[in-house]
Protein backbone atom coordinates (compact mmCIF):
# COMPACT_ATOMS: atom_id res chain seq x y z
CA MET A 1 -288.15 -52.21 65.39
CA MET A 2 -284.27 -51.75 67.16
CA THR A 3 -281.30 -52.07 64.94
CA GLN A 4 -278.16 -53.08 65.74
CA PRO A 5 -275.19 -50.23 66.16
CA ILE A 6 -272.48 -49.46 63.32
CA ARG A 7 -269.42 -51.29 63.40
CA THR A 8 -266.43 -49.16 63.32
CA VAL A 9 -263.28 -50.79 61.66
CA ASN A 10 -261.36 -50.74 64.89
CA ASN A 11 -263.51 -53.50 66.07
CA LEU A 12 -263.68 -55.48 63.03
CA SER A 13 -260.45 -58.55 62.35
CA SER A 14 -259.03 -59.23 59.40
CA GLU A 15 -257.48 -62.02 57.60
CA THR A 16 -254.36 -61.17 58.65
CA SER A 17 -254.56 -60.71 62.21
CA PRO A 18 -256.55 -63.61 63.73
CA ALA A 19 -259.96 -62.19 65.95
CA GLY A 20 -257.70 -62.68 69.14
CA GLY A 21 -254.21 -61.29 67.76
CA ASN A 22 -251.58 -63.70 67.81
CA ASP A 23 -249.11 -63.40 70.52
CA ILE A 24 -246.03 -63.50 68.60
CA ALA A 25 -247.93 -59.92 67.56
CA LYS A 26 -248.72 -59.31 70.85
CA SER A 27 -245.11 -59.67 72.91
CA SER A 28 -243.08 -57.23 73.30
CA LEU A 29 -239.77 -58.71 71.84
CA PRO A 30 -239.65 -57.39 68.12
CA LEU A 31 -239.43 -59.85 65.77
CA SER A 32 -238.12 -59.90 61.75
CA PHE A 33 -240.35 -61.87 59.13
CA GLU A 34 -237.32 -64.13 59.41
CA GLU A 35 -237.58 -64.97 62.57
CA ARG A 36 -241.04 -65.28 62.51
CA ARG A 37 -241.29 -67.71 59.41
CA LEU A 38 -237.87 -69.87 61.66
CA LEU A 39 -240.37 -70.01 64.34
CA ASP A 40 -243.95 -71.01 62.89
CA LEU A 41 -241.35 -73.96 60.97
CA ARG A 42 -240.38 -74.96 63.75
CA ALA A 43 -243.46 -75.15 65.20
CA ARG A 44 -244.89 -77.29 62.25
CA TYR A 45 -241.37 -79.93 62.41
CA ALA A 46 -242.61 -80.09 66.20
CA ARG A 47 -246.52 -81.12 64.98
CA ALA A 48 -245.00 -83.55 62.36
CA GLU A 49 -243.07 -85.37 64.39
CA VAL A 50 -245.54 -85.63 67.06
CA LEU A 51 -248.32 -86.78 64.90
CA ALA A 52 -244.74 -89.46 62.89
CA ASN A 53 -244.30 -90.75 66.43
CA ALA A 54 -248.40 -91.56 67.57
CA LEU A 55 -249.00 -92.65 64.54
CA GLY A 56 -246.35 -95.04 64.33
CA ASP A 57 -246.74 -96.50 67.81
CA MET A 58 -250.55 -97.17 66.54
CA ILE A 59 -249.00 -99.38 63.78
CA LEU A 60 -246.80 -100.80 66.10
CA SER A 61 -249.95 -101.77 67.96
CA LEU A 62 -252.19 -103.09 65.19
CA ARG A 63 -249.61 -104.91 64.48
CA ARG A 64 -248.66 -106.84 67.56
CA THR A 65 -252.35 -107.27 68.20
CA PHE A 66 -252.93 -108.58 65.01
CA GLY A 67 -249.82 -111.49 66.08
CA ARG A 68 -251.60 -111.95 69.35
CA LEU A 69 -254.96 -112.88 67.28
CA THR A 70 -253.51 -114.63 64.75
CA ALA A 71 -251.52 -116.90 67.58
CA ALA A 72 -254.49 -117.31 69.19
CA ILE A 73 -256.80 -119.14 66.13
CA LYS A 74 -253.26 -121.04 65.27
CA GLU A 75 -253.84 -122.02 68.92
CA ASN A 76 -256.90 -123.33 68.73
CA TYR A 77 -257.07 -124.87 65.20
CA LYS A 78 -254.47 -127.22 67.07
CA LEU A 79 -256.76 -127.83 69.88
CA ARG A 80 -259.74 -128.37 67.86
CA ALA A 81 -257.57 -131.14 65.86
CA ALA A 82 -256.56 -132.95 69.07
CA GLU A 83 -260.21 -133.22 69.84
CA THR A 84 -261.12 -134.40 66.15
CA GLN A 85 -258.41 -136.82 66.66
CA LEU A 86 -259.37 -138.19 70.14
CA ASN A 87 -262.98 -138.24 68.94
CA ARG A 88 -262.72 -140.25 66.31
CA MET A 89 -260.73 -142.86 68.58
CA THR A 90 -262.86 -145.90 69.48
CA ASP A 91 -264.13 -146.25 73.23
CA ARG A 92 -261.82 -149.02 74.06
CA GLU A 93 -258.86 -147.26 72.49
CA LEU A 94 -259.90 -143.59 74.26
CA ALA A 95 -259.71 -146.31 77.85
CA ASP A 96 -256.56 -147.44 77.04
CA LEU A 97 -255.30 -143.92 77.33
CA GLY A 98 -257.52 -143.31 80.62
CA LEU A 99 -259.76 -141.25 79.33
CA CYS A 100 -263.90 -141.87 78.23
CA ARG A 101 -265.84 -139.40 75.70
CA ALA A 102 -266.61 -136.46 78.02
CA ASP A 103 -263.19 -136.04 79.10
CA ILE A 104 -261.79 -135.49 75.31
CA ALA A 105 -261.68 -131.62 75.77
CA PHE A 106 -260.50 -131.10 79.34
CA ALA A 107 -257.75 -133.19 78.44
CA VAL A 108 -257.25 -131.75 75.45
CA ARG A 109 -257.03 -128.67 76.94
CA GLU A 110 -255.45 -129.32 80.11
CA THR A 111 -252.35 -129.96 78.06
CA GLN A 112 -252.10 -126.95 76.61
CA GLY A 113 -252.18 -125.35 79.94
CA PHE A 114 -256.00 -124.31 80.58
CA ARG A 115 -257.60 -125.55 83.68
CA PRO A 116 -261.33 -125.42 83.79
CA GLN A 117 -262.33 -124.03 86.68
CA PHE A 118 -265.15 -125.12 88.50
CA ASP A 119 -267.38 -122.60 91.68
CA VAL A 120 -269.31 -124.94 93.09
CA ALA A 121 -271.33 -123.70 96.23
CA ASP A 122 -272.77 -126.34 97.27
CA PRO A 123 -271.13 -128.91 99.14
CA VAL A 124 -271.62 -132.32 96.94
CA THR A 125 -274.08 -134.51 97.60
CA THR A 126 -273.69 -138.58 95.98
CA ALA A 127 -275.05 -138.79 92.32
CA ASN A 128 -277.45 -142.16 93.34
CA GLN A 129 -280.73 -140.55 96.11
CA ASP A 130 -282.12 -143.72 96.53
CA TRP A 131 -279.96 -144.40 99.16
CA ARG A 132 -283.31 -144.65 101.96
CA ARG A 133 -284.62 -147.42 99.70
CA ALA A 134 -281.88 -150.25 99.97
CA ALA A 135 -281.81 -150.07 103.66
């Protein structure tokens, strides 16, 4: 069985200096304790400022998203109320408006700026396919 070599004190790191060393401690500029403390405080303030700005931006983004969501829900309720009101009308009243029951959802959304898009790949054919028998 092989044993590990015994490490000397020079190979071990201590709690006062990190294992990789500190750039400030390695630098050729002799910094006093007070200068290192002020440098550390500036770095902490800079990190806190970055985090505070990120948190503030996130809160504003959530507020805008929540505002858009509530506006969309309110708009949906308005559209559904208009559809309900038109569905309560009789066929005669709808005919006076130029609508039939199938057109209510499209008519309501068209007035709000929503136009349904239909992609028609096949050419339009006549609804009555019995034209051969009629001839």
